[in-house]
Amino acid sequence: MIPVTQLPVKEFFPGFSGRFIHGETSTLAFWEITKGSVLKEHAHMHEQITYIIAGEIEMTIGGEKILFKAGSTHVIPSGVPHSAVAITDCKVIDSFSPARDDYRF
């Protein structure tokens, strides 16, 4: 057992710092996102479930803009283009399946 705060942290994109736990078939990501940070549109093979712990983030998922606030959640199916802009500083949890080998370090 490791407390989340003791997991190694890495900035994967400007303003997006993450800590990760990997299972055989899934990855759980704990993000801290700085206000104003932008995640460019992308898509991946992984199903993604996003949960906003704190803050506000605007995401465009499959062409639809959605403002997420603390307590919001959403499923992003495999292959669906999505992007994000942090309206405030945010804390976000993402679950990915299958595991995100590109997030191992």
PDB file of N, CA and C in Angstrom:
ATOM      1  N   MET A   1       0.851  -1.178   0.000  1.00  0.00           N
ATOM      2  CA  MET A   1       0.000   0.000   0.000  1.00  0.00           C
ATOM      3  C   MET A   1       0.895   1.239   0.000  1.00  0.00           C
ATOM      4  N   ILE A   2       0.590   2.152  -0.911  1.00  0.00           N
ATOM      5  CA  ILE A   2       1.348   3.401  -1.026  1.00  0.00           C
ATOM      6  C   ILE A   2       0.356   4.553  -1.037  1.00  0.00           C
ATOM      7  N   PRO A   3       0.522   5.550  -0.153  1.00  0.00           N
ATOM      8  CA  PRO A   3      -0.343   6.742  -0.247  1.00  0.00           C
ATOM      9  C   PRO A   3      -0.124   7.439  -1.591  1.00  0.00           C
ATOM     10  N   VAL A   4      -1.181   7.952  -2.170  1.00  0.00           N
ATOM     11  CA  VAL A   4      -1.099   8.630  -3.470  1.00  0.00           C
ATOM     12  C   VAL A   4      -0.030   9.716  -3.455  1.00  0.00           C
ATOM     13  N   THR A   5       0.078  10.455  -2.362  1.00  0.00           N
ATOM     14  CA  THR A   5       1.050  11.557  -2.278  1.00  0.00           C
ATOM     15  C   THR A   5       2.498  11.069  -2.312  1.00  0.00           C
ATOM     16  N   GLN A   6       2.713   9.762  -2.130  1.00  0.00           N
ATOM     17  CA  GLN A   6       4.077   9.228  -2.192  1.00  0.00           C
ATOM     18  C   GLN A   6       4.409   8.595  -3.534  1.00  0.00           C
ATOM     19  N   LEU A   7       3.433   8.559  -4.451  1.00  0.00           N
ATOM     20  CA  LEU A   7       3.717   8.077  -5.802  1.00  0.00           C
ATOM     21  C   LEU A   7       4.563   9.114  -6.529  1.00  0.00           C
ATOM     22  N   PRO A   8       5.467   8.674  -7.407  1.00  0.00           N
ATOM     23  CA  PRO A   8       6.248   9.644  -8.182  1.00  0.00           C
ATOM     24  C   PRO A   8       5.322  10.513  -9.028  1.00  0.00           C
ATOM     25  N   VAL A   9       5.695  11.768  -9.201  1.00  0.00           N
ATOM     26  CA  VAL A   9       4.894  12.697  -9.996  1.00  0.00           C
ATOM     27  C   VAL A   9       5.685  13.097 -11.240  1.00  0.00           C
ATOM     28  N   LYS A  10       4.974  13.237 -12.352  1.00  0.00           N
ATOM     29  CA  LYS A  10       5.618  13.643 -13.597  1.00  0.00           C
ATOM     30  C   LYS A  10       4.689  14.575 -14.356  1.00  0.00           C
ATOM     31  N   GLU A  11       5.266  15.640 -14.918  1.00  0.00           N
ATOM     32  CA  GLU A  11       4.498  16.537 -15.780  1.00  0.00           C
ATOM     33  C   GLU A  11       4.521  15.942 -17.191  1.00  0.00           C
ATOM     34  N   PHE A  12       3.357  15.439 -17.630  1.00  0.00           N
ATOM     35  CA  PHE A  12       3.258  14.812 -18.942  1.00  0.00           C
ATOM     36  C   PHE A  12       2.966  15.814 -20.037  1.00  0.00           C
ATOM     37  N   PHE A  13       2.231  16.855 -19.696  1.00  0.00           N
ATOM     38  CA  PHE A  13       1.901  17.933 -20.628  1.00  0.00           C
ATOM     39  C   PHE A  13       2.062  19.212 -19.830  1.00  0.00           C
ATOM     40  N   PRO A  14       2.326  20.365 -20.463  1.00  0.00           N
ATOM     41  CA  PRO A  14       2.474  21.605 -19.697  1.00  0.00           C
ATOM     42  C   PRO A  14       1.258  21.862 -18.799  1.00  0.00           C
ATOM     43  N   GLY A  15       1.502  21.954 -17.478  1.00  0.00           N
ATOM     44  CA  GLY A  15       0.443  22.227 -16.518  1.00  0.00           C
ATOM     45  C   GLY A  15      -0.323  21.007 -16.053  1.00  0.00           C
ATOM     46  N   PHE A  16      -0.007  19.807 -16.573  1.00  0.00           N
ATOM     47  CA  PHE A  16      -0.688  18.556 -16.214  1.00  0.00           C
ATOM     48  C   PHE A  16       0.324  17.621 -15.551  1.00  0.00           C
ATOM     49  N   SER A  17       0.302  17.580 -14.217  1.00  0.00           N
ATOM     50  CA  SER A  17       1.205  16.708 -13.470  1.00  0.00           C
ATOM     51  C   SER A  17       0.421  15.520 -12.932  1.00  0.00           C
ATOM     52  N   GLY A  18       0.961  14.316 -13.132  1.00  0.00           N
ATOM     53  CA  GLY A  18       0.212  13.119 -12.767  1.00  0.00           C
ATOM     54  C   GLY A  18       0.992  12.140 -11.917  1.00  0.00           C
ATOM     55  N   ARG A  19       0.231  11.372 -11.146  1.00  0.00           N
ATOM     56  CA  ARG A  19       0.719  10.228 -10.373  1.00  0.00           C
ATOM     57  C   ARG A  19      -0.122   9.044 -10.838  1.00  0.00           C
ATOM     58  N   PHE A  20       0.500   7.871 -10.968  1.00  0.00           N
ATOM     59  CA  PHE A  20      -0.166   6.758 -11.627  1.00  0.00           C
ATOM     60  C   PHE A  20      -0.007   5.449 -10.866  1.00  0.00           C
ATOM     61  N   ILE A  21      -1.084   4.665 -10.886  1.00  0.00           N
ATOM     62  CA  ILE A  21      -1.088   3.293 -10.370  1.00  0.00           C
ATOM     63  C   ILE A  21      -1.501   2.408 -11.543  1.00  0.00           C
ATOM     64  N   HIS A  22      -0.749   1.337 -11.772  1.00  0.00           N
ATOM     65  CA  HIS A  22      -1.020   0.458 -12.914  1.00  0.00           C
ATOM     66  C   HIS A  22      -1.367  -0.944 -12.436  1.00  0.00           C
ATOM     67  N   GLY A  23      -2.455  -1.471 -12.967  1.00  0.00           N
ATOM     68  CA  GLY A  23      -2.781  -2.879 -12.814  1.00  0.00           C
ATOM     69  C   GLY A  23      -2.458  -3.593 -14.111  1.00  0.00           C
ATOM     70  N   GLU A  24      -2.835  -4.850 -14.196  1.00  0.00           N
ATOM     71  CA  GLU A  24      -2.572  -5.596 -15.427  1.00  0.00           C
ATOM     72  C   GLU A  24      -3.388  -5.065 -16.599  1.00  0.00           C
ATOM     73  N   THR A  25      -4.623  -4.602 -16.317  1.00  0.00           N
ATOM     74  CA  THR A  25      -5.512  -4.204 -17.410  1.00  0.00           C
ATOM     75  C   THR A  25      -6.052  -2.782 -17.274  1.00  0.00           C
ATOM     76  N   SER A  26      -5.550  -2.023 -16.310  1.00  0.00           N
ATOM     77  CA  SER A  26      -6.057  -0.657 -16.138  1.00  0.00           C
ATOM     78  C   SER A  26      -5.004   0.244 -15.492  1.00  0.00           C
ATOM     79  N   THR A  27      -5.221   1.534 -15.641  1.00  0.00           N
ATOM     80  CA  THR A  27      -4.373   2.555 -15.022  1.00  0.00           C
ATOM     81  C   THR A  27      -5.274   3.573 -14.347  1.00  0.00           C
ATOM     82  N   LEU A  28      -4.893   3.981 -13.139  1.00  0.00           N
ATOM     83  CA  LEU A  28      -5.579   5.042 -12.426  1.00  0.00           C
ATOM     84  C   LEU A  28      -4.617   6.217 -12.344  1.00  0.00           C
ATOM     85  N   ALA A  29      -5.064   7.378 -12.827  1.00  0.00           N
ATOM     86  CA  ALA A  29      -4.224   8.579 -12.882  1.00  0.00           C
ATOM     87  C   ALA A  29      -4.797   9.647 -11.955  1.00  0.00           C
ATOM     88  N   PHE A  30      -3.930  10.260 -11.175  1.00  0.00           N
ATOM     89  CA  PHE A  30      -4.288  11.361 -10.279  1.00  0.00           C
ATOM     90  C   PHE A  30      -3.599  12.610 -10.818  1.00  0.00           C
ATOM     91  N   TRP A  31      -4.372  13.525 -11.382  1.00  0.00           N
ATOM     92  CA  TRP A  31      -3.827  14.720 -12.035  1.00  0.00           C
ATOM     93  C   TRP A  31      -3.990  15.950 -11.162  1.00  0.00           C
ATOM     94  N   GLU A  32      -2.990  16.807 -11.183  1.00  0.00           N
ATOM     95  CA  GLU A  32      -3.097  18.176 -10.684  1.00  0.00           C
ATOM     96  C   GLU A  32      -2.851  19.054 -11.894  1.00  0.00           C
ATOM     97  N   ILE A  33      -3.827  19.911 -12.185  1.00  0.00           N
ATOM     98  CA  ILE A  33      -3.810  20.699 -13.418  1.00  0.00           C
ATOM     99  C   ILE A  33      -3.843  22.175 -13.059  1.00  0.00           C
ATOM    100  N   THR A  34      -2.938  22.934 -13.637  1.00  0.00           N
ATOM    101  CA  THR A  34      -2.822  24.357 -13.378  1.00  0.00           C
ATOM    102  C   THR A  34      -3.809  25.153 -14.223  1.00  0.00           C
ATOM    103  N   LYS A  35      -4.452  26.136 -13.587  1.00  0.00           N
ATOM    104  CA  LYS A  35      -5.401  27.023 -14.273  1.00  0.00           C
ATOM    105  C   LYS A  35      -4.812  27.520 -15.596  1.00  0.00           C
ATOM    106  N   GLY A  36      -5.626  27.459 -16.652  1.00  0.00           N
ATOM    107  CA  GLY A  36      -5.212  27.946 -17.962  1.00  0.00           C
ATOM    108  C   GLY A  36      -4.505  26.912 -18.825  1.00  0.00           C
ATOM    109  N   SER A  37      -4.176  25.760 -18.262  1.00  0.00           N
ATOM    110  CA  SER A  37      -3.486  24.719 -19.032  1.00  0.00           C
ATOM    111  C   SER A  37      -4.419  24.122 -20.070  1.00  0.00           C
ATOM    112  N   VAL A  38      -3.841  23.786 -21.220  1.00  0.00           N
ATOM    113  CA  VAL A  38      -4.614  23.270 -22.354  1.00  0.00           C
ATOM    114  C   VAL A  38      -4.088  21.896 -22.742  1.00  0.00           C
ATOM    115  N   LEU A  39      -4.999  20.952 -22.877  1.00  0.00           N
ATOM    116  CA  LEU A  39      -4.675  19.632 -23.409  1.00  0.00           C
ATOM    117  C   LEU A  39      -5.259  19.589 -24.815  1.00  0.00           C
ATOM    118  N   LYS A  40      -4.383  19.517 -25.822  1.00  0.00           N
ATOM    119  CA  LYS A  40      -4.827  19.541 -27.216  1.00  0.00           C
ATOM    120  C   LYS A  40      -5.674  18.317 -27.548  1.00  0.00           C
ATOM    121  N   GLU A  41      -6.514  18.471 -28.567  1.00  0.00           N
ATOM    122  CA  GLU A  41      -7.376  17.369 -28.971  1.00  0.00           C
ATOM    123  C   GLU A  41      -6.541  16.145 -29.338  1.00  0.00           C
ATOM    124  N   HIS A  42      -6.990  15.016 -28.855  1.00  0.00           N
ATOM    125  CA  HIS A  42      -6.328  13.746 -29.111  1.00  0.00           C
ATOM    126  C   HIS A  42      -7.349  12.624 -28.934  1.00  0.00           C
ATOM    127  N   ALA A  43      -6.978  11.444 -29.305  1.00  0.00           N
ATOM    128  CA  ALA A  43      -7.800  10.251 -29.082  1.00  0.00           C
ATOM    129  C   ALA A  43      -6.842   9.102 -28.796  1.00  0.00           C
ATOM    130  N   HIS A  44      -7.324   8.095 -28.093  1.00  0.00           N
ATOM    131  CA  HIS A  44      -6.507   6.922 -27.794  1.00  0.00           C
ATOM    132  C   HIS A  44      -7.401   5.696 -27.726  1.00  0.00           C
ATOM    133  N   MET A  45      -6.773   4.536 -27.745  1.00  0.00           N
ATOM    134  CA  MET A  45      -7.515   3.275 -27.747  1.00  0.00           C
ATOM    135  C   MET A  45      -8.160   2.978 -26.395  1.00  0.00           C
ATOM    136  N   HIS A  46      -7.753   3.686 -25.358  1.00  0.00           N
ATOM    137  CA  HIS A  46      -8.213   3.401 -24.001  1.00  0.00           C
ATOM    138  C   HIS A  46      -9.584   4.012 -23.723  1.00  0.00           C
ATOM    139  N   GLU A  47     -10.466   3.247 -23.092  1.00  0.00           N
ATOM    140  CA  GLU A  47     -11.664   3.845 -22.520  1.00  0.00           C
ATOM    141  C   GLU A  47     -11.200   4.658 -21.315  1.00  0.00           C
ATOM    142  N   GLN A  48     -11.762   5.843 -21.151  1.00  0.00           N
ATOM    143  CA  GLN A  48     -11.351   6.750 -20.071  1.00  0.00           C
ATOM    144  C   GLN A  48     -12.575   7.158 -19.271  1.00  0.00           C
ATOM    145  N   ILE A  49     -12.476   7.038 -17.960  1.00  0.00           N
ATOM    146  CA  ILE A  49     -13.516   7.555 -17.078  1.00  0.00           C
ATOM    147  C   ILE A  49     -12.875   8.669 -16.268  1.00  0.00           C
ATOM    148  N   THR A  50     -13.455   9.864 -16.343  1.00  0.00           N
ATOM    149  CA  THR A  50     -12.904  11.051 -15.688  1.00  0.00           C
ATOM    150  C   THR A  50     -13.797  11.464 -14.528  1.00  0.00           C
ATOM    151  N   TYR A  51     -13.162  11.787 -13.401  1.00  0.00           N
ATOM    152  CA  TYR A  51     -13.873  12.272 -12.216  1.00  0.00           C
ATOM    153  C   TYR A  51     -13.164  13.526 -11.712  1.00  0.00           C
ATOM    154  N   ILE A  52     -13.897  14.620 -11.562  1.00  0.00           N
ATOM    155  CA  ILE A  52     -13.325  15.884 -11.105  1.00  0.00           C
ATOM    156  C   ILE A  52     -13.425  15.943  -9.579  1.00  0.00           C
ATOM    157  N   ILE A  53     -12.273  15.996  -8.927  1.00  0.00           N
ATOM    158  CA  ILE A  53     -12.234  16.098  -7.463  1.00  0.00           C
ATOM    159  C   ILE A  53     -12.430  17.542  -7.024  1.00  0.00           C
ATOM    160  N   ALA A  54     -11.712  18.454  -7.700  1.00  0.00           N
ATOM    161  CA  ALA A  54     -11.757  19.869  -7.327  1.00  0.00           C
ATOM    162  C   ALA A  54     -11.517  20.725  -8.557  1.00  0.00           C
ATOM    163  N   GLY A  55     -12.140  21.913  -8.580  1.00  0.00           N
ATOM    164  CA  GLY A  55     -11.930  22.864  -9.655  1.00  0.00           C
ATOM    165  C   GLY A  55     -12.942  22.724 -10.773  1.00  0.00           C
ATOM    166  N   GLU A  56     -12.656  23.436 -11.870  1.00  0.00           N
ATOM    167  CA  GLU A  56     -13.499  23.419 -13.063  1.00  0.00           C
ATOM    168  C   GLU A  56     -12.621  23.240 -14.286  1.00  0.00           C
ATOM    169  N   ILE A  57     -13.082  22.377 -15.170  1.00  0.00           N
ATOM    170  CA  ILE A  57     -12.358  22.128 -16.412  1.00  0.00           C
ATOM    171  C   ILE A  57     -13.373  21.992 -17.543  1.00  0.00           C
ATOM    172  N   GLU A  58     -13.093  22.645 -18.664  1.00  0.00           N
ATOM    173  CA  GLU A  58     -13.965  22.526 -19.829  1.00  0.00           C
ATOM    174  C   GLU A  58     -13.339  21.501 -20.764  1.00  0.00           C
ATOM    175  N   MET A  59     -14.131  20.490 -21.093  1.00  0.00           N
ATOM    176  CA  MET A  59     -13.664  19.473 -22.025  1.00  0.00           C
ATOM    177  C   MET A  59     -14.538  19.488 -23.266  1.00  0.00           C
ATOM    178  N   THR A  60     -13.921  19.215 -24.388  1.00  0.00           N
ATOM    179  CA  THR A  60     -14.650  18.984 -25.626  1.00  0.00           C
ATOM    180  C   THR A  60     -14.476  17.506 -25.930  1.00  0.00           C
ATOM    181  N   ILE A  61     -15.597  16.787 -25.932  1.00  0.00           N
ATOM    182  CA  ILE A  61     -15.584  15.336 -26.111  1.00  0.00           C
ATOM    183  C   ILE A  61     -16.459  15.003 -27.312  1.00  0.00           C
ATOM    184  N   GLY A  62     -15.841  14.479 -28.349  1.00  0.00           N
ATOM    185  CA  GLY A  62     -16.601  14.160 -29.559  1.00  0.00           C
ATOM    186  C   GLY A  62     -17.307  15.370 -30.135  1.00  0.00           C
ATOM    187  N   GLY A  63     -16.683  16.548 -30.023  1.00  0.00           N
ATOM    188  CA  GLY A  63     -17.244  17.779 -30.568  1.00  0.00           C
ATOM    189  C   GLY A  63     -18.195  18.520 -29.645  1.00  0.00           C
ATOM    190  N   GLU A  64     -18.519  17.954 -28.479  1.00  0.00           N
ATOM    191  CA  GLU A  64     -19.440  18.589 -27.527  1.00  0.00           C
ATOM    192  C   GLU A  64     -18.657  19.201 -26.361  1.00  0.00           C
ATOM    193  N   LYS A  65     -18.834  20.524 -26.136  1.00  0.00           N
ATOM    194  CA  LYS A  65     -18.193  21.207 -25.005  1.00  0.00           C
ATOM    195  C   LYS A  65     -19.001  20.962 -23.737  1.00  0.00           C
ATOM    196  N   ILE A  66     -18.283  20.562 -22.670  1.00  0.00           N
ATOM    197  CA  ILE A  66     -18.919  20.287 -21.381  1.00  0.00           C
ATOM    198  C   ILE A  66     -18.085  20.935 -20.288  1.00  0.00           C
ATOM    199  N   LEU A  67     -18.730  21.692 -19.395  1.00  0.00           N
ATOM    200  CA  LEU A  67     -18.041  22.269 -18.241  1.00  0.00           C
ATOM    201  C   LEU A  67     -18.197  21.309 -17.072  1.00  0.00           C
ATOM    202  N   PHE A  68     -17.072  20.801 -16.605  1.00  0.00           N
ATOM    203  CA  PHE A  68     -17.068  19.887 -15.468  1.00  0.00           C
ATOM    204  C   PHE A  68     -16.683  20.641 -14.202  1.00  0.00           C
ATOM    205  N   LYS A  69     -17.405  20.383 -13.116  1.00  0.00           N
ATOM    206  CA  LYS A  69     -17.115  20.950 -11.803  1.00  0.00           C
ATOM    207  C   LYS A  69     -16.876  19.800 -10.838  1.00  0.00           C
ATOM    208  N   ALA A  70     -16.378  20.117  -9.644  1.00  0.00           N
ATOM    209  CA  ALA A  70     -16.130  19.092  -8.637  1.00  0.00           C
ATOM    210  C   ALA A  70     -17.351  18.187  -8.490  1.00  0.00           C
ATOM    211  N   GLY A  71     -17.114  16.884  -8.523  1.00  0.00           N
ATOM    212  CA  GLY A  71     -18.189  15.910  -8.412  1.00  0.00           C
ATOM    213  C   GLY A  71     -18.684  15.389  -9.744  1.00  0.00           C
ATOM    214  N   SER A  72     -18.278  16.033 -10.850  1.00  0.00           N
ATOM    215  CA  SER A  72     -18.706  15.592 -12.188  1.00  0.00           C
ATOM    216  C   SER A  72     -17.892  14.388 -12.644  1.00  0.00           C
ATOM    217  N   THR A  73     -18.527  13.568 -13.467  1.00  0.00           N
ATOM    218  CA  THR A  73     -17.838  12.418 -14.044  1.00  0.00           C
ATOM    219  C   THR A  73     -18.332  12.197 -15.473  1.00  0.00           C
ATOM    220  N   HIS A  74     -17.532  11.496 -16.276  1.00  0.00           N
ATOM    221  CA  HIS A  74     -17.913  11.244 -17.670  1.00  0.00           C
ATOM    222  C   HIS A  74     -17.110  10.061 -18.199  1.00  0.00           C
ATOM    223  N   VAL A  75     -17.717   9.282 -19.064  1.00  0.00           N
ATOM    224  CA  VAL A  75     -17.021   8.196 -19.751  1.00  0.00           C
ATOM    225  C   VAL A  75     -16.662   8.665 -21.155  1.00  0.00           C
ATOM    226  N   ILE A  76     -15.396   8.509 -21.522  1.00  0.00           N
ATOM    227  CA  ILE A  76     -14.932   8.830 -22.869  1.00  0.00           C
ATOM    228  C   ILE A  76     -14.600   7.507 -23.549  1.00  0.00           C
ATOM    229  N   PRO A  77     -15.411   7.095 -24.513  1.00  0.00           N
ATOM    230  CA  PRO A  77     -15.170   5.808 -25.173  1.00  0.00           C
ATOM    231  C   PRO A  77     -13.853   5.794 -25.952  1.00  0.00           C
ATOM    232  N   SER A  78     -13.354   4.616 -26.181  1.00  0.00           N
ATOM    233  CA  SER A  78     -12.151   4.409 -26.984  1.00  0.00           C
ATOM    234  C   SER A  78     -12.289   5.107 -28.335  1.00  0.00           C
ATOM    235  N   GLY A  79     -11.219   5.820 -28.741  1.00  0.00           N
ATOM    236  CA  GLY A  79     -11.180   6.430 -30.066  1.00  0.00           C
ATOM    237  C   GLY A  79     -11.895   7.755 -30.227  1.00  0.00           C
ATOM    238  N   VAL A  80     -12.578   8.253 -29.183  1.00  0.00           N
ATOM    239  CA  VAL A  80     -13.313   9.515 -29.297  1.00  0.00           C
ATOM    240  C   VAL A  80     -12.359  10.690 -29.061  1.00  0.00           C
ATOM    241  N   PRO A  81     -12.283  11.641 -29.999  1.00  0.00           N
ATOM    242  CA  PRO A  81     -11.416  12.810 -29.819  1.00  0.00           C
ATOM    243  C   PRO A  81     -11.892  13.659 -28.628  1.00  0.00           C
ATOM    244  N   HIS A  82     -10.926  14.166 -27.845  1.00  0.00           N
ATOM    245  CA  HIS A  82     -11.260  15.021 -26.713  1.00  0.00           C
ATOM    246  C   HIS A  82     -10.096  15.957 -26.403  1.00  0.00           C
ATOM    247  N   SER A  83     -10.448  17.071 -25.758  1.00  0.00           N
ATOM    248  CA  SER A  83      -9.461  18.082 -25.366  1.00  0.00           C
ATOM    249  C   SER A  83      -9.948  18.716 -24.069  1.00  0.00           C
ATOM    250  N   ALA A  84      -9.104  19.548 -23.458  1.00  0.00           N
ATOM    251  CA  ALA A  84      -9.486  20.163 -22.179  1.00  0.00           C
ATOM    252  C   ALA A  84      -8.780  21.490 -21.976  1.00  0.00           C
ATOM    253  N   VAL A  85      -9.448  22.371 -21.226  1.00  0.00           N
ATOM    254  CA  VAL A  85      -8.881  23.644 -20.773  1.00  0.00           C
ATOM    255  C   VAL A  85      -9.247  23.788 -19.296  1.00  0.00           C
ATOM    256  N   ALA A  86      -8.242  23.998 -18.452  1.00  0.00           N
ATOM    257  CA  ALA A  86      -8.492  24.170 -17.020  1.00  0.00           C
ATOM    258  C   ALA A  86      -8.970  25.594 -16.755  1.00  0.00           C
ATOM    259  N   ILE A  87     -10.195  25.733 -16.280  1.00  0.00           N
ATOM    260  CA  ILE A  87     -10.764  27.042 -15.948  1.00  0.00           C
ATOM    261  C   ILE A  87     -10.191  27.529 -14.622  1.00  0.00           C
ATOM    262  N   THR A  88      -9.950  26.602 -13.698  1.00  0.00           N
ATOM    263  CA  THR A  88      -9.310  26.880 -12.403  1.00  0.00           C
ATOM    264  C   THR A  88      -8.238  25.814 -12.198  1.00  0.00           C
ATOM    265  N   ASP A  89      -7.466  25.927 -11.127  1.00  0.00           N
ATOM    266  CA  ASP A  89      -6.624  24.802 -10.733  1.00  0.00           C
ATOM    267  C   ASP A  89      -7.553  23.624 -10.470  1.00  0.00           C
ATOM    268  N   CYS A  90      -7.145  22.432 -10.876  1.00  0.00           N
ATOM    269  CA  CYS A  90      -8.021  21.254 -10.776  1.00  0.00           C
ATOM    270  C   CYS A  90      -7.278  20.055 -10.210  1.00  0.00           C
ATOM    271  N   LYS A  91      -8.054  19.166  -9.618  1.00  0.00           N
ATOM    272  CA  LYS A  91      -7.600  17.824  -9.268  1.00  0.00           C
ATOM    273  C   LYS A  91      -8.579  16.865  -9.921  1.00  0.00           C
ATOM    274  N   VAL A  92      -8.030  15.925 -10.690  1.00  0.00           N
ATOM    275  CA  VAL A  92      -8.840  15.035 -11.514  1.00  0.00           C
ATOM    276  C   VAL A  92      -8.314  13.610 -11.376  1.00  0.00           C
ATOM    277  N   ILE A  93      -9.239  12.649 -11.362  1.00  0.00           N
ATOM    278  CA  ILE A  93      -8.872  11.241 -11.432  1.00  0.00           C
ATOM    279  C   ILE A  93      -9.368  10.707 -12.772  1.00  0.00           C
ATOM    280  N   ASP A  94      -8.463  10.015 -13.484  1.00  0.00           N
ATOM    281  CA  ASP A  94      -8.832   9.326 -14.719  1.00  0.00           C
ATOM    282  C   ASP A  94      -8.549   7.843 -14.547  1.00  0.00           C
ATOM    283  N   SER A  95      -9.498   7.039 -14.990  1.00  0.00           N
ATOM    284  CA  SER A  95      -9.312   5.594 -15.053  1.00  0.00           C
ATOM    285  C   SER A  95      -9.211   5.223 -16.528  1.00  0.00           C
ATOM    286  N   PHE A  96      -8.205   4.421 -16.864  1.00  0.00           N
ATOM    287  CA  PHE A  96      -7.999   4.002 -18.253  1.00  0.00           C
ATOM    288  C   PHE A  96      -7.998   2.479 -18.348  1.00  0.00           C
ATOM    289  N   SER A  97      -8.638   1.966 -19.392  1.00  0.00           N
ATOM    290  CA  SER A  97      -8.586   0.543 -19.675  1.00  0.00           C
ATOM    291  C   SER A  97      -8.509   0.376 -21.188  1.00  0.00           C
ATOM    292  N   PRO A  98      -7.562  -0.399 -21.704  1.00  0.00           N
ATOM    293  CA  PRO A  98      -6.526  -1.130 -20.992  1.00  0.00           C
ATOM    294  C   PRO A  98      -5.510  -0.197 -20.349  1.00  0.00           C
ATOM    295  N   ALA A  99      -4.551  -0.786 -19.646  1.00  0.00           N
ATOM    296  CA  ALA A  99      -3.530  -0.005 -18.941  1.00  0.00           C
ATOM    297  C   ALA A  99      -2.783   0.920 -19.903  1.00  0.00           C
ATOM    298  N   ARG A 100      -2.381   2.094 -19.393  1.00  0.00           N
ATOM    299  CA  ARG A 100      -1.624   3.084 -20.176  1.00  0.00           C
ATOM    300  C   ARG A 100      -0.138   2.840 -19.991  1.00  0.00           C
ATOM    301  N   ASP A 101       0.445   2.005 -20.838  1.00  0.00           N
ATOM    302  CA  ASP A 101       1.875   1.739 -20.742  1.00  0.00           C
ATOM    303  C   ASP A 101       2.697   2.995 -20.997  1.00  0.00           C
ATOM    304  N   ASP A 102       2.130   3.959 -21.755  1.00  0.00           N
ATOM    305  CA  ASP A 102       2.853   5.204 -22.029  1.00  0.00           C
ATOM    306  C   ASP A 102       2.927   6.098 -20.786  1.00  0.00           C
ATOM    307  N   TYR A 103       2.189   5.768 -19.723  1.00  0.00           N
ATOM    308  CA  TYR A 103       2.248   6.521 -18.471  1.00  0.00           C
ATOM    309  C   TYR A 103       3.104   5.820 -17.427  1.00  0.00           C
ATOM    310  N   ARG A 104       3.848   4.818 -17.808  1.00  0.00           N
ATOM    311  CA  ARG A 104       4.770   4.141 -16.878  1.00  0.00           C
ATOM    312  C   ARG A 104       6.117   4.855 -16.935  1.00  0.00           C
ATOM    313  N   PHE A 105       6.686   5.113 -15.763  1.00  0.00           N
ATOM    314  CA  PHE A 105       8.030   5.712 -15.711  1.00  0.00           C
ATOM    315  C   PHE A 105       8.732   5.296 -14.451  1.00  0.00           C
TER     316      PHE A 105
END
